[in-house]
Amino acid sequence: MTGTGVADEVEDVEWLAVDHMSAAGAVRRSATGLAHRLGFDEERTAGVAIVATELATNQVKHAGGGSMLLRARRGVVEATLELVAVDRGPGIADVDHALRDGTSTTGTLGIGMGSFVRLASTWDLWTRPGLGTVVAVTFARDADQVVTTPAAAGLTRPMTGEPVCGDAYAFRVDDGVVSAMLVDGLGHGPLAAKAAQEAVRAFRAAPEGPPTALLTAVHRALHGTRGAAVAVARVEGGSVRYAGIGNIVGTVLDDAGSRGMISHPGIAGAQARTIREATYPIGPAGVVVMHSDGLTARMDLAPYLGLLTRSPLVVATVLLRDFGVRQDDASALVLPAAASR
């Protein structure tokens, strides 16, 4: 994310269940279809196909199944494709060994893990024995293009049975300072999604300002929609400025422990008597986590050794996987203190 008021636009395109070997074909077709839509050439699309197939195949072989998320990230100049493989399997005891091409624990060729190291532009993973594995890989259109890991990330998952998600997120950068918004449209389905997307539009279009100003702009823009819960966080100079309306949960996690941030009662677009912000300290290695009520607020991260050192997308995915237990739209956003420069 660079520039003033500019941040990449991310679309969580599709979640795919990987519960049988035949699912690898569906994952490959969806991934190559997205690559074509993003303008990838045939050679680059073939690389996407290899990695998508091998990640899905490994999930079935080693974890008994899992799921795959396809994402499109559109920057000012280039577009990238992201694959996120999620499972609850036994985890990987020796990651370095598993990443070597030709390694297999099932007697097959075993090119799956090594393939994304060779073919993807960037990659990251988190795994723990007994706690499963999350792998995130990024493909740029040009194999030689340098791609940096985004400084912050979010992701969404629609409620089972709904075609769209009523949650959304957005980032903006103003003079090197990152602000993030998470929104939970009231209810589910297309009307909730419409409110959420209007919040995203208003957040990106608003003049530079503190969280209260950005949240006020979103609140006004949501008049006439069904409304939403919305929160905005801004990290700068060792602190987090935070303002929220409704039931978005915001937490600061750092060496000092876990600290909840305050959202005030109301509905953005309808009832919001109080729009004010509070400031919270954050350590240099700390992160801000925001999530909708599709995730439980009771998160114990003690077993998740090393998780907060991974990329924001991997962190958000693990949180959604393990704490998105409610029958609801779900979203998580991770904003490291180091995101702002």
Protein backbone atom coordinates (compact mmCIF):
# COMPACT_ATOMS: atom_id res chain seq x y z
CA MET A 1 0.00 0.00 0.00
CA THR A 2 1.55 3.29 -1.06
CA GLY A 3 0.70 6.85 -1.79
CA THR A 4 -1.88 9.12 -0.18
CA GLY A 5 -5.41 7.85 0.20
CA VAL A 6 -4.55 4.82 -1.94
CA ALA A 7 -4.64 1.14 -0.98
CA ASP A 8 -5.00 -2.07 -2.91
CA GLU A 9 -8.54 -3.29 -3.51
CA VAL A 10 -9.06 -6.92 -2.53
CA GLU A 11 -11.91 -9.18 -3.54
CA ASP A 12 -12.49 -12.43 -1.67
CA VAL A 13 -13.67 -14.23 -4.79
CA GLU A 14 -14.63 -17.73 -3.72
CA TRP A 15 -14.37 -20.28 -0.90
CA LEU A 16 -14.10 -23.86 -2.13
CA ALA A 17 -14.49 -27.01 -0.03
CA VAL A 18 -11.70 -29.55 -0.50
CA ASP A 19 -13.23 -32.77 0.79
CA HIS A 20 -12.28 -35.28 -1.92
CA MET A 21 -9.57 -35.73 -4.55
CA SER A 22 -12.02 -34.64 -7.23
CA ALA A 23 -12.19 -31.21 -5.52
CA ALA A 24 -8.65 -30.49 -6.74
CA GLY A 25 -10.01 -30.21 -10.27
CA ALA A 26 -12.63 -27.67 -9.20
CA VAL A 27 -9.99 -25.63 -7.37
CA ARG A 28 -7.72 -25.71 -10.44
CA ARG A 29 -10.52 -24.59 -12.78
CA SER A 30 -11.57 -21.73 -10.52
CA ALA A 31 -7.98 -20.59 -10.00
CA THR A 32 -7.13 -20.62 -13.71
CA GLY A 33 -10.39 -18.85 -14.51
CA LEU A 34 -9.46 -16.08 -12.09
CA ALA A 35 -5.94 -15.92 -13.55
CA HIS A 36 -7.38 -15.40 -17.03
CA ARG A 37 -9.70 -12.65 -15.75
CA LEU A 38 -6.70 -10.89 -14.23
CA GLY A 39 -4.82 -11.02 -17.53
CA PHE A 40 -2.27 -13.75 -16.78
CA ASP A 41 -0.59 -15.34 -19.80
CA GLU A 42 -0.76 -19.09 -20.42
CA GLU A 43 2.60 -19.89 -18.81
CA ARG A 44 1.77 -17.97 -15.64
CA THR A 45 -1.72 -19.47 -15.54
CA ALA A 46 -0.16 -22.94 -15.79
CA GLY A 47 1.91 -22.17 -12.70
CA VAL A 48 -1.23 -21.12 -10.84
CA ALA A 49 -2.87 -24.40 -11.89
CA ILE A 50 0.04 -26.49 -10.58
CA VAL A 51 0.11 -24.83 -7.19
CA ALA A 52 -3.68 -24.80 -6.76
CA THR A 53 -3.90 -28.48 -7.64
CA GLU A 54 -1.05 -29.53 -5.39
CA LEU A 55 -2.25 -27.52 -2.40
CA ALA A 56 -5.72 -29.04 -2.69
CA THR A 57 -4.34 -32.55 -3.22
CA ASN A 58 -2.09 -32.24 -0.17
CA GLN A 59 -5.05 -31.14 1.94
CA VAL A 60 -6.90 -34.35 1.13
CA LYS A 61 -3.83 -36.60 1.49
CA HIS A 62 -2.39 -35.18 4.67
CA ALA A 63 -5.23 -33.36 6.45
CA GLY A 64 -8.30 -35.28 5.34
CA GLY A 65 -9.61 -32.17 3.58
CA GLY A 66 -9.85 -28.44 4.06
CA SER A 67 -10.87 -25.37 2.09
CA MET A 68 -9.35 -22.96 -0.41
CA LEU A 69 -9.95 -19.25 -0.77
CA LEU A 70 -9.34 -17.46 -4.09
CA ARG A 71 -8.64 -13.73 -3.92
CA ALA A 72 -7.93 -10.96 -6.41
CA ARG A 73 -5.81 -7.99 -5.35
CA ARG A 74 -5.82 -4.97 -7.64
CA GLY A 75 -3.21 -2.32 -7.10
CA VAL A 76 -2.60 0.96 -8.86
CA VAL A 77 -0.51 -0.71 -11.57
CA GLU A 78 -0.73 -4.49 -11.29
CA ALA A 79 -3.15 -7.20 -10.23
CA THR A 80 -2.19 -10.25 -8.21
CA LEU A 81 -3.90 -13.54 -7.47
CA GLU A 82 -3.91 -15.03 -3.98
CA LEU A 83 -4.61 -18.61 -2.92
CA VAL A 84 -5.18 -19.42 0.73
CA ALA A 85 -5.26 -23.11 1.73
CA VAL A 86 -6.82 -23.84 5.12
CA ASP A 87 -7.02 -27.13 6.99
CA ARG A 88 -7.47 -28.52 10.51
CA GLY A 89 -5.17 -31.50 9.97
CA PRO A 90 -2.24 -32.76 12.03
CA GLY A 91 0.02 -29.86 11.08
CA ILE A 92 3.57 -30.07 9.71
CA ALA A 93 6.27 -31.13 12.14
CA ASP A 94 9.22 -30.22 9.88
CA VAL A 95 8.38 -27.35 7.53
CA ASP A 96 11.85 -27.11 5.96
CA HIS A 97 11.72 -30.79 5.01
CA ALA A 98 8.19 -30.49 3.61
CA LEU A 99 9.19 -27.55 1.39
CA ARG A 100 11.78 -29.53 -0.53
CA ASP A 101 10.63 -30.63 -3.98
CA GLY A 102 10.30 -34.38 -4.21
CA THR A 103 9.49 -34.82 -0.52
CA SER A 104 6.55 -37.10 0.21
CA THR A 105 5.11 -38.88 3.21
CA THR A 106 2.66 -40.91 1.15
CA GLY A 107 4.88 -42.47 -1.50
CA THR A 108 3.89 -40.02 -4.24
CA LEU A 109 6.07 -37.49 -6.04
CA GLY A 110 5.37 -34.87 -3.39
CA ILE A 111 5.85 -31.69 -5.41
CA GLY A 112 3.01 -29.83 -3.69
CA MET A 113 4.81 -27.85 -1.00
CA GLY A 114 7.93 -27.16 -3.02
CA SER A 115 5.91 -26.03 -6.03
CA PHE A 116 4.69 -22.79 -4.51
CA VAL A 117 8.21 -21.91 -3.35
CA ARG A 118 9.38 -22.15 -6.97
CA LEU A 119 6.37 -20.76 -8.79
CA ALA A 120 4.64 -18.20 -6.57
CA SER A 121 5.72 -14.57 -6.21
CA THR A 122 5.40 -14.66 -2.41
CA TRP A 123 4.24 -17.18 0.14
CA ASP A 124 3.76 -17.61 3.86
CA LEU A 125 2.43 -20.31 6.16
CA TRP A 126 1.65 -21.09 9.76
CA THR A 127 1.38 -24.61 11.12
CA ARG A 128 1.51 -26.31 14.47
CA PRO A 129 1.27 -30.03 15.28
CA GLY A 130 -2.35 -30.70 16.13
CA LEU A 131 -3.53 -27.24 15.04
CA GLY A 132 -3.56 -27.59 11.27
CA THR A 133 -1.99 -25.50 8.54
CA VAL A 134 -2.69 -22.27 6.65
CA VAL A 135 -0.74 -21.51 3.46
CA ALA A 136 -1.06 -18.22 1.56
CA VAL A 137 0.56 -17.78 -1.87
CA THR A 138 0.57 -14.81 -4.22
CA PHE A 139 1.03 -14.75 -7.98
CA ALA A 140 1.85 -11.60 -9.91
CA ARG A 141 1.06 -11.54 -13.62
CA ASP A 142 4.78 -11.32 -14.39
CA ALA A 143 6.90 -14.05 -12.82
CA ASP A 144 9.79 -11.57 -12.45
CA GLN A 145 7.70 -8.88 -10.77
CA VAL A 146 8.68 -8.03 -7.20
CA VAL A 147 5.66 -8.34 -4.91
CA THR A 148 5.71 -7.15 -1.32
CA THR A 149 3.57 -8.68 1.40
CA PRO A 150 0.68 -6.28 2.18
CA ALA A 151 1.15 -4.40 5.45
CA ALA A 152 -2.39 -5.29 6.59
CA ALA A 153 -5.03 -7.76 5.52
CA GLY A 154 -8.63 -8.79 6.00
CA LEU A 155 -10.88 -11.53 4.72
CA THR A 156 -14.55 -12.45 4.73
CA ARG A 157 -16.65 -15.60 4.60
CA PRO A 158 -20.40 -15.62 3.87
CA MET A 159 -22.83 -17.48 6.06
CA THR A 160 -23.57 -20.98 4.79
CA GLY A 161 -26.30 -20.78 2.18
CA GLU A 162 -25.79 -17.10 1.33
CA PRO A 163 -24.38 -16.15 -2.09
CA VAL A 164 -22.62 -13.02 -0.79
CA CYS A 165 -21.10 -11.83 2.47
CA GLY A 166 -22.61 -8.93 4.38
CA ASP A 167 -19.23 -8.12 5.97
CA ALA A 168 -16.51 -6.09 4.25
CA TYR A 169 -13.26 -4.29 5.01
CA ALA A 170 -11.07 -1.61 3.49
CA PHE A 171 -7.73 0.12 4.02
CA ARG A 172 -6.42 3.54 3.10
CA VAL A 173 -3.00 5.17 3.38
CA ASP A 174 -2.62 8.89 4.09
CA ASP A 175 0.96 10.20 4.17
CA GLY A 176 2.22 6.75 5.11
CA VAL A 177 -0.33 6.20 7.89
CA VAL A 178 -2.72 3.25 7.52
CA SER A 179 -6.38 3.39 8.51
CA ALA A 180 -8.54 0.28 8.42
CA MET A 181 -12.30 -0.21 8.46
CA LEU A 182 -14.36 -3.31 9.20
CA VAL A 183 -18.10 -3.30 8.52
CA ASP A 184 -20.87 -5.80 9.28
CA GLY A 185 -24.01 -5.06 7.28
CA LEU A 186 -27.20 -5.65 9.25
CA GLY A 187 -28.53 -9.15 8.65
CA HIS A 188 -27.33 -11.33 5.79
CA GLY A 189 -27.47 -11.62 2.01
CA PRO A 190 -27.55 -9.01 -0.77
CA LEU A 191 -29.01 -6.11 1.25
CA ALA A 192 -26.40 -6.51 3.98
CA ALA A 193 -23.70 -6.73 1.30
CA LYS A 194 -25.03 -3.57 -0.37
CA ALA A 195 -24.75 -1.63 2.90
CA ALA A 196 -21.25 -2.97 3.49
CA GLN A 197 -20.04 -2.02 0.03
CA GLU A 198 -21.49 1.48 0.40
CA ALA A 199 -19.50 1.81 3.62
CA VAL A 200 -16.34 0.77 1.75
CA ARG A 201 -17.01 3.33 -0.98
CA ALA A 202 -17.58 6.14 1.52
CA PHE A 203 -14.51 5.23 3.58
CA ARG A 204 -12.25 5.31 0.53
CA ALA A 205 -13.76 8.53 -0.84
CA ALA A 206 -13.71 10.52 2.42
CA PRO A 207 -11.13 13.28 2.93
CA GLU A 208 -8.14 12.42 5.09
CA GLY A 209 -9.00 12.54 8.76
CA PRO A 210 -9.03 10.74 12.09
CA PRO A 211 -11.23 7.69 12.75
CA THR A 212 -14.10 9.87 14.00
CA ALA A 213 -14.18 11.81 10.72
CA LEU A 214 -13.99 8.68 8.57
CA LEU A 215 -16.66 6.93 10.64
CA THR A 216 -18.92 9.99 10.43
CA ALA A 217 -18.59 9.99 6.63
CA VAL A 218 -19.55 6.30 6.53
CA HIS A 219 -22.48 6.85 8.90
CA ARG A 220 -23.91 9.58 6.66
CA ALA A 221 -23.40 7.51 3.51
CA LEU A 222 -25.34 4.58 4.98
CA HIS A 223 -28.57 6.56 5.40
CA GLY A 224 -31.12 4.81 3.18
CA THR A 225 -29.43 1.41 3.51
CA ARG A 226 -30.26 -1.21 6.12
CA GLY A 227 -27.28 0.03 8.15
CA ALA A 228 -24.26 -1.66 9.65
CA ALA A 229 -21.86 -2.03 12.54
CA VAL A 230 -18.65 -0.20 11.61
CA ALA A 231 -15.28 0.44 13.25
CA VAL A 232 -12.21 2.37 12.08
CA ALA A 233 -8.67 2.02 13.44
CA ARG A 234 -5.57 4.08 12.66
CA VAL A 235 -2.06 3.12 13.82
CA GLU A 236 0.51 5.84 14.23
CA GLY A 237 3.43 6.63 16.50
CA GLY A 238 3.03 3.79 18.99
CA SER A 239 -0.71 4.18 19.41
CA VAL A 240 -4.02 3.11 17.91
CA ARG A 241 -6.86 5.58 17.42
CA TYR A 242 -10.15 3.70 17.30
CA ALA A 243 -13.82 4.58 16.81
CA GLY A 244 -16.70 2.15 16.43
CA ILE A 245 -20.47 1.93 16.21
CA GLY A 246 -22.14 -1.40 16.94
CA ASN A 247 -20.76 -4.85 17.60
CA ILE A 248 -17.39 -4.86 15.82
CA VAL A 249 -14.79 -6.21 18.25
CA GLY A 250 -11.39 -4.50 18.29
CA THR A 251 -8.37 -5.77 20.25
CA VAL A 252 -4.74 -4.72 20.64
CA LEU A 253 -2.33 -7.65 20.99
CA ASP A 254 1.30 -7.02 21.96
CA ASP A 255 3.93 -7.92 24.56
CA ALA A 256 1.85 -6.19 27.24
CA GLY A 257 -1.05 -8.58 26.64
CA SER A 258 -4.52 -8.16 25.15
CA ARG A 259 -6.58 -4.97 25.41
CA GLY A 260 -10.11 -4.55 24.12
CA MET A 261 -11.12 -1.33 22.36
CA ILE A 262 -14.49 0.36 22.80
CA SER A 263 -17.24 0.49 20.18
CA HIS A 264 -20.34 2.46 21.14
CA PRO A 265 -23.93 1.17 20.78
CA GLY A 266 -25.84 2.05 17.63
CA ILE A 267 -26.27 1.34 13.93
CA ALA A 268 -24.24 3.27 11.37
CA GLY A 269 -26.72 4.83 8.96
CA ALA A 270 -29.52 4.92 11.53
CA GLN A 271 -28.85 5.42 15.24
CA ALA A 272 -25.46 6.68 16.32
CA ARG A 273 -25.71 9.17 19.16
CA THR A 274 -22.03 8.91 20.00
CA ILE A 275 -19.18 8.98 17.51
CA ARG A 276 -15.97 9.40 19.39
CA GLU A 277 -12.62 7.73 19.51
CA ALA A 278 -10.19 6.46 22.10
CA THR A 279 -6.43 6.03 21.91
CA TYR A 280 -4.62 2.86 22.98
CA PRO A 281 -0.88 2.13 23.24
CA ILE A 282 0.59 -0.56 21.00
CA GLY A 283 4.09 -2.06 21.06
CA PRO A 284 6.27 -2.03 17.93
CA ALA A 285 5.57 -5.74 17.28
CA GLY A 286 1.89 -5.49 18.22
CA VAL A 287 -1.15 -5.98 16.02
CA VAL A 288 -4.69 -4.67 15.94
CA VAL A 289 -7.30 -7.38 15.37
CA MET A 290 -10.84 -6.44 14.38
CA HIS A 291 -13.65 -8.92 13.73
CA SER A 292 -17.39 -9.11 13.26
CA ASP A 293 -19.68 -11.05 15.58
CA GLY A 294 -19.36 -14.03 13.26
CA LEU A 295 -16.26 -14.75 15.37
CA THR A 296 -16.38 -15.44 19.07
CA ALA A 297 -14.84 -12.72 21.22
CA ARG A 298 -13.24 -15.34 23.48
CA MET A 299 -9.91 -15.91 21.78
CA ASP A 300 -7.12 -17.72 23.57
CA LEU A 301 -4.02 -17.42 21.41
CA ALA A 302 -1.63 -19.03 23.92
CA PRO A 303 -1.42 -22.31 21.91
CA TYR A 304 -0.74 -20.43 18.67
CA LEU A 305 3.00 -20.01 19.04
CA GLY A 306 4.53 -17.71 16.44
CA LEU A 307 1.22 -16.83 14.81
CA LEU A 308 1.45 -13.06 15.27
CA THR A 309 4.83 -13.01 13.50
CA ARG A 310 3.29 -14.33 10.28
CA SER A 311 1.80 -12.24 7.48
CA PRO A 312 -1.47 -10.42 8.30
CA LEU A 313 -3.38 -12.59 5.81
CA VAL A 314 -2.22 -15.82 7.45
CA VAL A 315 -3.08 -14.45 10.91
CA ALA A 316 -6.56 -13.36 9.80
CA THR A 317 -7.17 -16.75 8.17
CA VAL A 318 -6.24 -18.71 11.31
CA LEU A 319 -8.52 -16.51 13.41
CA LEU A 320 -11.41 -16.97 11.01
CA ARG A 321 -10.83 -20.73 10.84
CA ASP A 322 -10.66 -21.35 14.57
CA PHE A 323 -12.92 -18.68 16.05
CA GLY A 324 -15.50 -18.18 13.28
CA VAL A 325 -17.79 -20.69 14.94
CA ARG A 326 -21.11 -18.87 14.70
CA GLN A 327 -23.70 -19.40 11.97
CA ASP A 328 -23.22 -15.93 10.55
CA ASP A 329 -21.25 -13.90 8.04
CA ALA A 330 -17.71 -13.68 9.38
CA SER A 331 -14.79 -11.32 8.86
CA ALA A 332 -11.41 -10.63 10.41
CA LEU A 333 -8.89 -7.85 9.87
CA VAL A 334 -5.28 -7.66 11.03
CA LEU A 335 -3.42 -4.33 11.18
CA PRO A 336 0.18 -4.54 12.52
CA ALA A 337 1.71 -1.57 14.32
CA ALA A 338 4.45 -1.66 11.66
CA ALA A 339 1.91 -1.07 8.86
CA SER A 340 2.32 2.70 9.13
CA ARG A 341 5.70 4.20 8.43
